[in-house]
Amino acid sequence: RARRWCSISTKLVTPAIAKEMDNWRRIMDTVEFTDLTQEDLHNLITSHELYCNKYDTATGDITKGKERIVLHGNRQRPGTYGETFAPVLSPLSFKLLIKLALQVGWLVESLDIEEAFANTDLPVDQRIVVQLPKTLFPNPVYGRLLKCIYGLKQAPHQFYKLLRSVLLDIGWVPDVHDPCLY
């Protein structure tokens, strides 16, 4: 169960794994490796690797392999995480913005924040201990996370708090009716 496979091209997997391992090395710099207490064993979260291909939408050809390490956040026990709610832009607000942009002639752009969760600190009071994937580490390797990782229940909320604080710092003001509209 540690590995889940989509149809994968071997020539594309290696660069994807290398990139993901670089990401994990960076994240692991913020992992505190620790001896496990009895409470840690009770609240331990395991992880696995997820492999998939990315396709060119026009031709259907495989463009690159994608590998991600994901925590089993569904196994988090209540009390090991705080708030989990993260608001999203309402469909009505999105439609109004697009319509306004078309009428006024604005250029509409979007962005993707790579490793958004991995750039977000975990609250100090939340002790998250993970077992890194057995496929990467044959002997069990455990660590206390200091950053959010994909799969944690609180990761979206923590990222929203970070993004909101950055937007407020640069002077943007949230809409009263839609907290994701600035």
N, C-alpha and C. Protein backbone atom coordinates (compact mmCIF):
# COMPACT_ATOMS: atom_id res chain seq x y z
N ARG A 1 0.81 -1.19 0.00
CA ARG A 1 0.00 0.00 0.00
C ARG A 1 0.86 1.26 0.00
N ALA A 2 2.14 1.12 0.23
CA ALA A 2 3.01 2.29 0.28
C ALA A 2 3.14 2.96 -1.07
N ARG A 3 3.00 2.21 -2.16
CA ARG A 3 3.13 2.78 -3.50
C ARG A 3 1.81 2.69 -4.23
N ARG A 4 1.43 3.76 -4.87
CA ARG A 4 0.26 3.74 -5.74
C ARG A 4 0.75 4.17 -7.11
N TRP A 5 0.37 3.43 -8.10
CA TRP A 5 0.87 3.68 -9.45
C TRP A 5 -0.25 4.10 -10.38
N CYS A 6 0.02 5.11 -11.15
CA CYS A 6 -0.77 5.39 -12.33
C CYS A 6 0.04 4.77 -13.46
N SER A 7 -0.46 4.80 -14.69
CA SER A 7 0.41 4.33 -15.77
C SER A 7 1.59 5.28 -15.83
N ILE A 8 2.76 4.75 -15.79
CA ILE A 8 3.94 5.60 -15.65
C ILE A 8 4.97 5.26 -16.72
N SER A 9 5.65 6.26 -17.17
CA SER A 9 6.74 6.06 -18.11
C SER A 9 8.04 6.11 -17.32
N THR A 10 8.84 5.03 -17.37
CA THR A 10 10.05 4.95 -16.55
C THR A 10 11.03 6.08 -16.84
N LYS A 11 11.11 6.52 -18.08
CA LYS A 11 12.07 7.59 -18.37
C LYS A 11 11.67 8.91 -17.73
N LEU A 12 10.39 9.05 -17.39
CA LEU A 12 9.93 10.29 -16.76
C LEU A 12 9.90 10.20 -15.24
N VAL A 13 9.88 9.02 -14.68
CA VAL A 13 9.78 8.87 -13.23
C VAL A 13 11.03 9.38 -12.54
N THR A 14 12.19 9.04 -13.05
CA THR A 14 13.43 9.40 -12.39
C THR A 14 13.58 10.90 -12.16
N PRO A 15 13.36 11.77 -13.16
CA PRO A 15 13.46 13.21 -12.89
C PRO A 15 12.40 13.68 -11.89
N ALA A 16 11.22 13.10 -11.94
CA ALA A 16 10.16 13.50 -11.02
C ALA A 16 10.54 13.13 -9.59
N ILE A 17 11.08 11.93 -9.41
CA ILE A 17 11.50 11.50 -8.07
C ILE A 17 12.65 12.39 -7.60
N ALA A 18 13.59 12.69 -8.48
CA ALA A 18 14.72 13.54 -8.10
C ALA A 18 14.25 14.91 -7.64
N LYS A 19 13.28 15.49 -8.38
CA LYS A 19 12.75 16.80 -7.99
C LYS A 19 12.04 16.72 -6.65
N GLU A 20 11.22 15.69 -6.48
CA GLU A 20 10.49 15.54 -5.22
C GLU A 20 11.46 15.30 -4.06
N MET A 21 12.51 14.52 -4.29
CA MET A 21 13.49 14.29 -3.23
C MET A 21 14.20 15.60 -2.86
N ASP A 22 14.48 16.45 -3.85
CA ASP A 22 15.06 17.76 -3.54
C ASP A 22 14.10 18.56 -2.67
N ASN A 23 12.81 18.52 -3.02
CA ASN A 23 11.80 19.21 -2.21
C ASN A 23 11.79 18.66 -0.79
N TRP A 24 11.83 17.32 -0.69
CA TRP A 24 11.80 16.71 0.63
C TRP A 24 13.07 17.00 1.41
N ARG A 25 14.21 17.08 0.76
CA ARG A 25 15.44 17.43 1.48
C ARG A 25 15.31 18.82 2.10
N ARG A 26 14.71 19.73 1.33
CA ARG A 26 14.49 21.08 1.84
C ARG A 26 13.53 21.06 3.02
N ILE A 27 12.46 20.28 2.88
CA ILE A 27 11.48 20.17 3.96
C ILE A 27 12.11 19.48 5.15
N MET A 28 12.90 18.44 4.91
CA MET A 28 13.49 17.68 6.00
C MET A 28 14.51 18.52 6.77
N ASP A 29 14.99 19.61 6.16
CA ASP A 29 15.83 20.52 6.92
C ASP A 29 15.04 21.16 8.05
N THR A 30 13.71 21.16 7.91
CA THR A 30 12.87 21.73 8.96
C THR A 30 12.14 20.64 9.74
N VAL A 31 12.58 19.40 9.58
CA VAL A 31 12.03 18.29 10.36
C VAL A 31 12.97 18.04 11.52
N GLU A 32 12.40 17.94 12.68
CA GLU A 32 13.19 17.66 13.87
C GLU A 32 13.15 16.15 14.09
N PHE A 33 14.28 15.48 13.86
CA PHE A 33 14.31 14.04 14.06
C PHE A 33 14.40 13.77 15.55
N THR A 34 13.57 12.86 16.00
CA THR A 34 13.39 12.72 17.43
C THR A 34 13.14 11.27 17.81
N ASP A 35 13.41 10.97 19.05
CA ASP A 35 13.00 9.67 19.60
C ASP A 35 11.51 9.76 19.86
N LEU A 36 10.82 8.65 19.66
CA LEU A 36 9.38 8.65 19.82
C LEU A 36 8.97 8.39 21.26
N THR A 37 8.00 9.18 21.70
CA THR A 37 7.39 8.92 23.00
C THR A 37 6.18 8.02 22.76
N GLN A 38 5.57 7.54 23.83
CA GLN A 38 4.38 6.70 23.70
C GLN A 38 3.25 7.49 23.05
N GLU A 39 3.14 8.78 23.38
CA GLU A 39 2.10 9.62 22.77
C GLU A 39 2.35 9.80 21.27
N ASP A 40 3.63 9.93 20.88
CA ASP A 40 3.96 10.05 19.46
C ASP A 40 3.52 8.80 18.70
N LEU A 41 3.76 7.64 19.27
CA LEU A 41 3.36 6.39 18.61
C LEU A 41 1.84 6.33 18.46
N HIS A 42 1.13 6.86 19.42
CA HIS A 42 -0.33 6.86 19.37
C HIS A 42 -0.84 7.80 18.27
N ASN A 43 -0.12 8.90 18.02
CA ASN A 43 -0.55 9.91 17.05
C ASN A 43 0.29 9.89 15.77
N LEU A 44 1.06 8.85 15.54
CA LEU A 44 1.95 8.76 14.38
C LEU A 44 1.16 8.79 13.07
N ILE A 45 1.65 9.56 12.09
CA ILE A 45 1.02 9.62 10.77
C ILE A 45 2.00 9.02 9.77
N THR A 46 1.51 8.10 8.97
CA THR A 46 2.36 7.48 7.95
C THR A 46 2.23 8.26 6.64
N SER A 47 3.04 7.89 5.67
CA SER A 47 3.02 8.59 4.38
C SER A 47 3.26 7.59 3.26
N HIS A 48 3.00 8.03 2.04
CA HIS A 48 3.28 7.18 0.88
C HIS A 48 3.65 8.06 -0.31
N GLU A 49 4.19 7.40 -1.33
CA GLU A 49 4.54 8.09 -2.57
C GLU A 49 3.38 7.92 -3.55
N LEU A 50 3.13 8.94 -4.32
CA LEU A 50 2.09 8.90 -5.33
C LEU A 50 2.73 9.28 -6.66
N TYR A 51 2.59 8.43 -7.67
CA TYR A 51 3.18 8.65 -8.98
C TYR A 51 2.08 8.86 -10.01
N CYS A 52 2.26 9.82 -10.90
CA CYS A 52 1.32 10.03 -12.01
C CYS A 52 2.06 10.67 -13.18
N ASN A 53 1.43 10.63 -14.33
CA ASN A 53 1.95 11.31 -15.51
C ASN A 53 1.16 12.58 -15.76
N LYS A 54 1.82 13.57 -16.35
CA LYS A 54 1.15 14.78 -16.82
C LYS A 54 1.08 14.68 -18.33
N TYR A 55 -0.07 15.04 -18.90
CA TYR A 55 -0.29 14.90 -20.34
C TYR A 55 -0.46 16.26 -21.00
N ASP A 56 -0.03 16.35 -22.25
CA ASP A 56 -0.29 17.52 -23.09
C ASP A 56 -1.76 17.46 -23.48
N THR A 57 -2.53 18.50 -23.18
CA THR A 57 -3.97 18.46 -23.44
C THR A 57 -4.28 18.44 -24.93
N ALA A 58 -3.42 19.01 -25.75
CA ALA A 58 -3.69 19.05 -27.19
C ALA A 58 -3.41 17.71 -27.86
N THR A 59 -2.26 17.11 -27.53
CA THR A 59 -1.85 15.88 -28.23
C THR A 59 -2.11 14.61 -27.44
N GLY A 60 -2.25 14.74 -26.12
CA GLY A 60 -2.44 13.56 -25.28
C GLY A 60 -1.14 12.85 -24.95
N ASP A 61 0.01 13.41 -25.39
CA ASP A 61 1.31 12.81 -25.09
C ASP A 61 1.71 13.08 -23.64
N ILE A 62 2.49 12.15 -23.10
CA ILE A 62 3.01 12.34 -21.74
C ILE A 62 4.09 13.40 -21.79
N THR A 63 3.95 14.43 -20.96
CA THR A 63 4.95 15.50 -20.95
C THR A 63 5.95 15.36 -19.81
N LYS A 64 5.49 14.84 -18.66
CA LYS A 64 6.42 14.65 -17.54
C LYS A 64 5.80 13.72 -16.52
N GLY A 65 6.66 13.13 -15.71
CA GLY A 65 6.21 12.30 -14.60
C GLY A 65 6.10 13.15 -13.36
N LYS A 66 5.18 12.82 -12.50
CA LYS A 66 4.98 13.58 -11.27
C LYS A 66 5.01 12.61 -10.11
N GLU A 67 5.75 12.95 -9.07
CA GLU A 67 5.83 12.12 -7.88
C GLU A 67 5.60 13.03 -6.69
N ARG A 68 4.77 12.60 -5.78
CA ARG A 68 4.46 13.41 -4.60
C ARG A 68 4.46 12.50 -3.38
N ILE A 69 4.95 13.01 -2.28
CA ILE A 69 4.87 12.30 -1.02
C ILE A 69 3.74 12.93 -0.23
N VAL A 70 2.79 12.09 0.18
CA VAL A 70 1.57 12.57 0.83
C VAL A 70 1.41 11.89 2.18
N LEU A 71 1.00 12.68 3.17
CA LEU A 71 0.73 12.11 4.49
C LEU A 71 -0.68 11.55 4.53
N HIS A 72 -0.88 10.56 5.37
CA HIS A 72 -2.21 9.99 5.57
C HIS A 72 -2.94 10.81 6.63
N GLY A 73 -3.34 12.03 6.25
CA GLY A 73 -4.00 12.94 7.19
C GLY A 73 -5.33 12.42 7.69
N ASN A 74 -5.94 11.50 6.95
CA ASN A 74 -7.20 10.92 7.41
C ASN A 74 -7.01 10.11 8.68
N ARG A 75 -5.76 9.83 9.02
CA ARG A 75 -5.47 9.08 10.25
C ARG A 75 -5.11 10.00 11.42
N GLN A 76 -5.20 11.33 11.18
CA GLN A 76 -4.94 12.25 12.28
C GLN A 76 -6.07 12.16 13.30
N ARG A 77 -5.69 12.12 14.54
CA ARG A 77 -6.68 12.05 15.61
C ARG A 77 -7.08 13.46 16.04
N PRO A 78 -8.36 13.64 16.41
CA PRO A 78 -8.76 14.95 16.94
C PRO A 78 -7.86 15.32 18.12
N GLY A 79 -7.49 16.58 18.18
CA GLY A 79 -6.57 17.04 19.20
C GLY A 79 -5.16 17.22 18.66
N THR A 80 -4.85 16.58 17.50
CA THR A 80 -3.52 16.76 16.90
C THR A 80 -3.55 17.85 15.84
N TYR A 81 -4.71 18.43 15.61
CA TYR A 81 -4.81 19.53 14.65
C TYR A 81 -5.82 20.54 15.17
N GLY A 82 -5.66 21.77 14.73
CA GLY A 82 -6.57 22.83 15.13
C GLY A 82 -7.61 23.07 14.05
N GLU A 83 -7.73 24.31 13.66
CA GLU A 83 -8.69 24.72 12.65
C GLU A 83 -8.32 24.12 11.30
N THR A 84 -9.33 23.67 10.54
CA THR A 84 -9.07 23.08 9.22
C THR A 84 -9.76 23.84 8.10
N PHE A 85 -10.66 24.76 8.41
CA PHE A 85 -11.43 25.46 7.38
C PHE A 85 -10.56 26.47 6.63
N ALA A 86 -10.63 26.45 5.32
CA ALA A 86 -9.96 27.44 4.48
C ALA A 86 -10.99 27.90 3.44
N PRO A 87 -11.33 29.20 3.43
CA PRO A 87 -12.35 29.66 2.49
C PRO A 87 -11.87 29.60 1.04
N VAL A 88 -12.81 29.52 0.13
CA VAL A 88 -12.53 29.57 -1.31
C VAL A 88 -13.40 30.65 -1.94
N LEU A 89 -12.97 31.15 -3.06
CA LEU A 89 -13.72 32.19 -3.76
C LEU A 89 -15.05 31.62 -4.23
N SER A 90 -16.13 32.37 -3.98
CA SER A 90 -17.44 31.89 -4.39
C SER A 90 -17.58 31.95 -5.92
N PRO A 91 -18.35 31.04 -6.50
CA PRO A 91 -18.54 31.06 -7.96
C PRO A 91 -19.14 32.38 -8.44
N LEU A 92 -20.03 32.98 -7.66
CA LEU A 92 -20.63 34.26 -8.04
C LEU A 92 -19.58 35.36 -8.12
N SER A 93 -18.70 35.42 -7.13
CA SER A 93 -17.62 36.43 -7.14
C SER A 93 -16.72 36.23 -8.35
N PHE A 94 -16.39 34.97 -8.66
CA PHE A 94 -15.54 34.68 -9.81
C PHE A 94 -16.20 35.15 -11.10
N LYS A 95 -17.48 34.83 -11.27
CA LYS A 95 -18.19 35.24 -12.49
C LYS A 95 -18.26 36.75 -12.61
N LEU A 96 -18.52 37.43 -11.50
CA LEU A 96 -18.57 38.90 -11.52
C LEU A 96 -17.22 39.51 -11.89
N LEU A 97 -16.15 38.95 -11.36
CA LEU A 97 -14.81 39.45 -11.68
C LEU A 97 -14.48 39.27 -13.16
N ILE A 98 -14.82 38.11 -13.71
CA ILE A 98 -14.54 37.85 -15.12
C ILE A 98 -15.37 38.79 -16.00
N LYS A 99 -16.63 38.97 -15.65
CA LYS A 99 -17.49 39.85 -16.43
C LYS A 99 -16.98 41.29 -16.37
N LEU A 100 -16.59 41.74 -15.19
CA LEU A 100 -16.03 43.09 -15.04
C LEU A 100 -14.75 43.24 -15.85
N ALA A 101 -13.88 42.25 -15.80
CA ALA A 101 -12.61 42.29 -16.54
C ALA A 101 -12.87 42.38 -18.04
N LEU A 102 -13.85 41.64 -18.53
CA LEU A 102 -14.19 41.69 -19.96
C LEU A 102 -14.72 43.06 -20.35
N GLN A 103 -15.61 43.63 -19.52
CA GLN A 103 -16.21 44.93 -19.83
C GLN A 103 -15.18 46.06 -19.79
N VAL A 104 -14.27 46.01 -18.83
CA VAL A 104 -13.28 47.08 -18.66
C VAL A 104 -12.04 46.86 -19.51
N GLY A 105 -11.82 45.61 -19.95
CA GLY A 105 -10.65 45.30 -20.77
C GLY A 105 -9.42 44.97 -19.96
N TRP A 106 -9.59 44.49 -18.75
CA TRP A 106 -8.47 44.11 -17.91
C TRP A 106 -7.87 42.80 -18.40
N LEU A 107 -6.58 42.65 -18.18
CA LEU A 107 -5.89 41.40 -18.44
C LEU A 107 -6.09 40.49 -17.23
N VAL A 108 -6.57 39.29 -17.44
CA VAL A 108 -6.80 38.34 -16.35
C VAL A 108 -5.66 37.33 -16.33
N GLU A 109 -5.03 37.19 -15.19
CA GLU A 109 -3.95 36.23 -15.02
C GLU A 109 -4.21 35.39 -13.79
N SER A 110 -3.60 34.21 -13.76
CA SER A 110 -3.69 33.36 -12.58
C SER A 110 -2.28 32.90 -12.22
N LEU A 111 -2.15 32.34 -11.04
CA LEU A 111 -0.84 31.84 -10.64
C LEU A 111 -1.01 30.56 -9.85
N ASP A 112 0.06 29.81 -9.81
CA ASP A 112 0.10 28.58 -9.04
C ASP A 112 1.28 28.69 -8.09
N ILE A 113 1.04 28.56 -6.82
CA ILE A 113 2.12 28.63 -5.85
C ILE A 113 2.62 27.21 -5.62
N GLU A 114 3.82 26.95 -6.14
CA GLU A 114 4.37 25.60 -5.99
C GLU A 114 4.69 25.32 -4.54
N GLU A 115 4.37 24.12 -4.12
CA GLU A 115 4.65 23.67 -2.75
C GLU A 115 4.07 24.65 -1.73
N ALA A 116 2.83 25.09 -1.98
CA ALA A 116 2.21 26.08 -1.11
C ALA A 116 2.19 25.63 0.35
N PHE A 117 1.79 24.40 0.59
CA PHE A 117 1.70 23.93 1.97
C PHE A 117 3.07 23.80 2.60
N ALA A 118 4.06 23.38 1.81
CA ALA A 118 5.40 23.16 2.35
C ALA A 118 6.08 24.46 2.76
N ASN A 119 5.53 25.60 2.33
CA ASN A 119 6.08 26.89 2.72
C ASN A 119 5.40 27.45 3.96
N THR A 120 4.50 26.67 4.55
CA THR A 120 3.70 27.14 5.67
C THR A 120 4.13 26.46 6.95
N ASP A 121 4.40 27.27 7.98
CA ASP A 121 4.81 26.72 9.28
C ASP A 121 3.63 26.10 10.00
N LEU A 122 3.92 25.04 10.74
CA LEU A 122 2.93 24.46 11.64
C LEU A 122 2.93 25.24 12.95
N PRO A 123 1.78 25.39 13.58
CA PRO A 123 1.78 26.02 14.91
C PRO A 123 2.66 25.22 15.87
N VAL A 124 3.35 25.91 16.75
CA VAL A 124 4.29 25.29 17.67
C VAL A 124 3.59 24.28 18.58
N ASP A 125 2.33 24.54 18.92
CA ASP A 125 1.62 23.66 19.85
C ASP A 125 1.12 22.37 19.21
N GLN A 126 1.26 22.23 17.90
CA GLN A 126 0.81 21.02 17.21
C GLN A 126 2.01 20.11 16.94
N ARG A 127 2.07 19.00 17.65
CA ARG A 127 3.18 18.06 17.48
C ARG A 127 2.76 16.99 16.49
N ILE A 128 3.30 17.04 15.28
CA ILE A 128 2.98 16.09 14.23
C ILE A 128 4.23 15.24 13.99
N VAL A 129 4.13 13.95 14.27
CA VAL A 129 5.24 13.03 14.04
C VAL A 129 4.85 12.12 12.89
N VAL A 130 5.75 12.02 11.90
CA VAL A 130 5.46 11.24 10.70
C VAL A 130 6.49 10.14 10.52
N GLN A 131 6.04 9.09 9.86
CA GLN A 131 6.96 8.05 9.39
C GLN A 131 7.13 8.29 7.90
N LEU A 132 8.34 8.53 7.47
CA LEU A 132 8.61 8.78 6.07
C LEU A 132 8.40 7.49 5.27
N PRO A 133 8.10 7.60 3.96
CA PRO A 133 7.72 6.42 3.17
C PRO A 133 8.72 5.28 3.26
N LYS A 134 8.19 4.08 3.43
CA LYS A 134 9.03 2.89 3.53
C LYS A 134 9.74 2.60 2.21
N THR A 135 9.16 3.08 1.11
CA THR A 135 9.80 2.85 -0.19
C THR A 135 11.07 3.67 -0.35
N LEU A 136 11.19 4.77 0.39
CA LEU A 136 12.39 5.59 0.33
C LEU A 136 13.37 5.26 1.44
N PHE A 137 12.83 4.83 2.57
CA PHE A 137 13.65 4.54 3.74
C PHE A 137 13.29 3.14 4.23
N PRO A 138 14.10 2.12 3.92
CA PRO A 138 13.76 0.74 4.30
C PRO A 138 13.61 0.57 5.82
N ASN A 139 14.47 1.23 6.59
CA ASN A 139 14.32 1.21 8.04
C ASN A 139 13.44 2.39 8.42
N PRO A 140 12.55 2.21 9.39
CA PRO A 140 11.65 3.30 9.75
C PRO A 140 12.39 4.58 10.14
N VAL A 141 11.97 5.69 9.52
CA VAL A 141 12.53 7.01 9.82
C VAL A 141 11.37 7.88 10.27
N TYR A 142 11.51 8.48 11.46
CA TYR A 142 10.46 9.30 12.04
C TYR A 142 10.97 10.71 12.23
N GLY A 143 10.08 11.66 12.14
CA GLY A 143 10.46 13.05 12.38
C GLY A 143 9.26 13.88 12.80
N ARG A 144 9.54 14.94 13.52
CA ARG A 144 8.49 15.89 13.91
C ARG A 144 8.45 16.99 12.86
N LEU A 145 7.29 17.17 12.24
CA LEU A 145 7.16 18.19 11.20
C LEU A 145 7.12 19.59 11.81
N LEU A 146 7.80 20.51 11.15
CA LEU A 146 7.73 21.91 11.53
C LEU A 146 7.02 22.72 10.45
N LYS A 147 6.80 22.09 9.28
CA LYS A 147 6.09 22.71 8.16
C LYS A 147 4.91 21.84 7.78
N CYS A 148 3.94 22.44 7.09
CA CYS A 148 2.79 21.66 6.62
C CYS A 148 3.19 20.85 5.40
N ILE A 149 2.54 19.72 5.21
CA ILE A 149 2.77 18.83 4.09
C ILE A 149 1.41 18.46 3.52
N TYR A 150 1.37 18.14 2.23
CA TYR A 150 0.12 17.69 1.63
C TYR A 150 -0.41 16.49 2.38
N GLY A 151 -1.68 16.54 2.71
CA GLY A 151 -2.32 15.45 3.43
C GLY A 151 -2.70 15.82 4.85
N LEU A 152 -2.03 16.82 5.43
CA LEU A 152 -2.40 17.24 6.78
C LEU A 152 -3.74 17.96 6.75
N LYS A 153 -4.59 17.68 7.72
CA LYS A 153 -5.91 18.30 7.75
C LYS A 153 -5.83 19.81 7.91
N GLN A 154 -4.85 20.29 8.65
CA GLN A 154 -4.76 21.72 8.92
C GLN A 154 -3.97 22.50 7.87
N ALA A 155 -3.39 21.82 6.88
CA ALA A 155 -2.54 22.49 5.89
C ALA A 155 -3.26 23.60 5.11
N PRO A 156 -4.47 23.38 4.58
CA PRO A 156 -5.14 24.46 3.84
C PRO A 156 -5.40 25.69 4.71
N HIS A 157 -5.80 25.48 5.95
CA HIS A 157 -6.08 26.60 6.85
C HIS A 157 -4.80 27.38 7.14
N GLN A 158 -3.71 26.67 7.41
CA GLN A 158 -2.44 27.33 7.72
C GLN A 158 -1.95 28.13 6.51
N PHE A 159 -2.10 27.56 5.30
CA PHE A 159 -1.67 28.30 4.10
C PHE A 159 -2.55 29.54 3.91
N TYR A 160 -3.85 29.42 4.13
CA TYR A 160 -4.74 30.58 3.98
C TYR A 160 -4.33 31.69 4.96
N LYS A 161 -3.99 31.31 6.20
CA LYS A 161 -3.56 32.32 7.18
C LYS A 161 -2.30 33.04 6.70
N LEU A 162 -1.35 32.28 6.15
CA LEU A 162 -0.11 32.89 5.64
C LEU A 162 -0.39 33.82 4.47
N LEU A 163 -1.17 33.34 3.49
CA LEU A 163 -1.49 34.15 2.32
C LEU A 163 -2.24 35.42 2.72
N ARG A 164 -3.21 35.28 3.61
CA ARG A 164 -4.00 36.43 4.08
C ARG A 164 -3.09 37.47 4.74
N SER A 165 -2.16 37.02 5.58
CA SER A 165 -1.27 37.98 6.26
C SER A 165 -0.38 38.71 5.26
N VAL A 166 0.09 38.01 4.23
CA VAL A 166 0.92 38.65 3.21
C VAL A 166 0.11 39.69 2.44
N LEU A 167 -1.11 39.33 2.04
CA LEU A 167 -1.96 40.27 1.31
C LEU A 167 -2.33 41.49 2.16
N LEU A 168 -2.60 41.28 3.44
CA LEU A 168 -2.90 42.41 4.32
C LEU A 168 -1.68 43.30 4.50
N ASP A 169 -0.49 42.69 4.60
CA ASP A 169 0.75 43.46 4.77
C ASP A 169 1.03 44.38 3.59
N ILE A 170 0.62 43.97 2.37
CA ILE A 170 0.88 44.82 1.21
C ILE A 170 -0.28 45.78 0.94
N GLY A 171 -1.25 45.81 1.86
CA GLY A 171 -2.31 46.80 1.78
C GLY A 171 -3.60 46.36 1.14
N TRP A 172 -3.73 45.10 0.79
CA TRP A 172 -4.98 44.62 0.20
C TRP A 172 -6.01 44.45 1.31
N VAL A 173 -7.27 44.68 0.97
CA VAL A 173 -8.35 44.60 1.95
C VAL A 173 -9.34 43.53 1.49
N PRO A 174 -9.70 42.58 2.37
CA PRO A 174 -10.66 41.54 1.96
C PRO A 174 -12.07 42.11 1.86
N ASP A 175 -12.84 41.55 0.94
CA ASP A 175 -14.23 41.94 0.78
C ASP A 175 -15.03 41.46 2.00
N VAL A 176 -16.02 42.22 2.39
CA VAL A 176 -16.84 41.88 3.55
C VAL A 176 -17.61 40.59 3.32
N HIS A 177 -18.10 40.37 2.09
CA HIS A 177 -18.96 39.24 1.80
C HIS A 177 -18.21 38.00 1.31
N ASP A 178 -17.01 38.18 0.80
CA ASP A 178 -16.23 37.04 0.29
C ASP A 178 -14.78 37.18 0.77
N PRO A 179 -14.39 36.40 1.78
CA PRO A 179 -13.05 36.57 2.37
C PRO A 179 -11.89 36.23 1.44
N CYS A 180 -12.18 35.64 0.28
CA CYS A 180 -11.11 35.32 -0.68
C CYS A 180 -10.98 36.38 -1.76
N LEU A 181 -11.78 37.39 -1.71
CA LEU A 181 -11.75 38.46 -2.71
C LEU A 181 -11.08 39.68 -2.07
N TYR A 182 -9.95 40.12 -2.64
CA TYR A 182 -9.20 41.26 -2.11
C TYR A 182 -9.20 42.38 -3.13
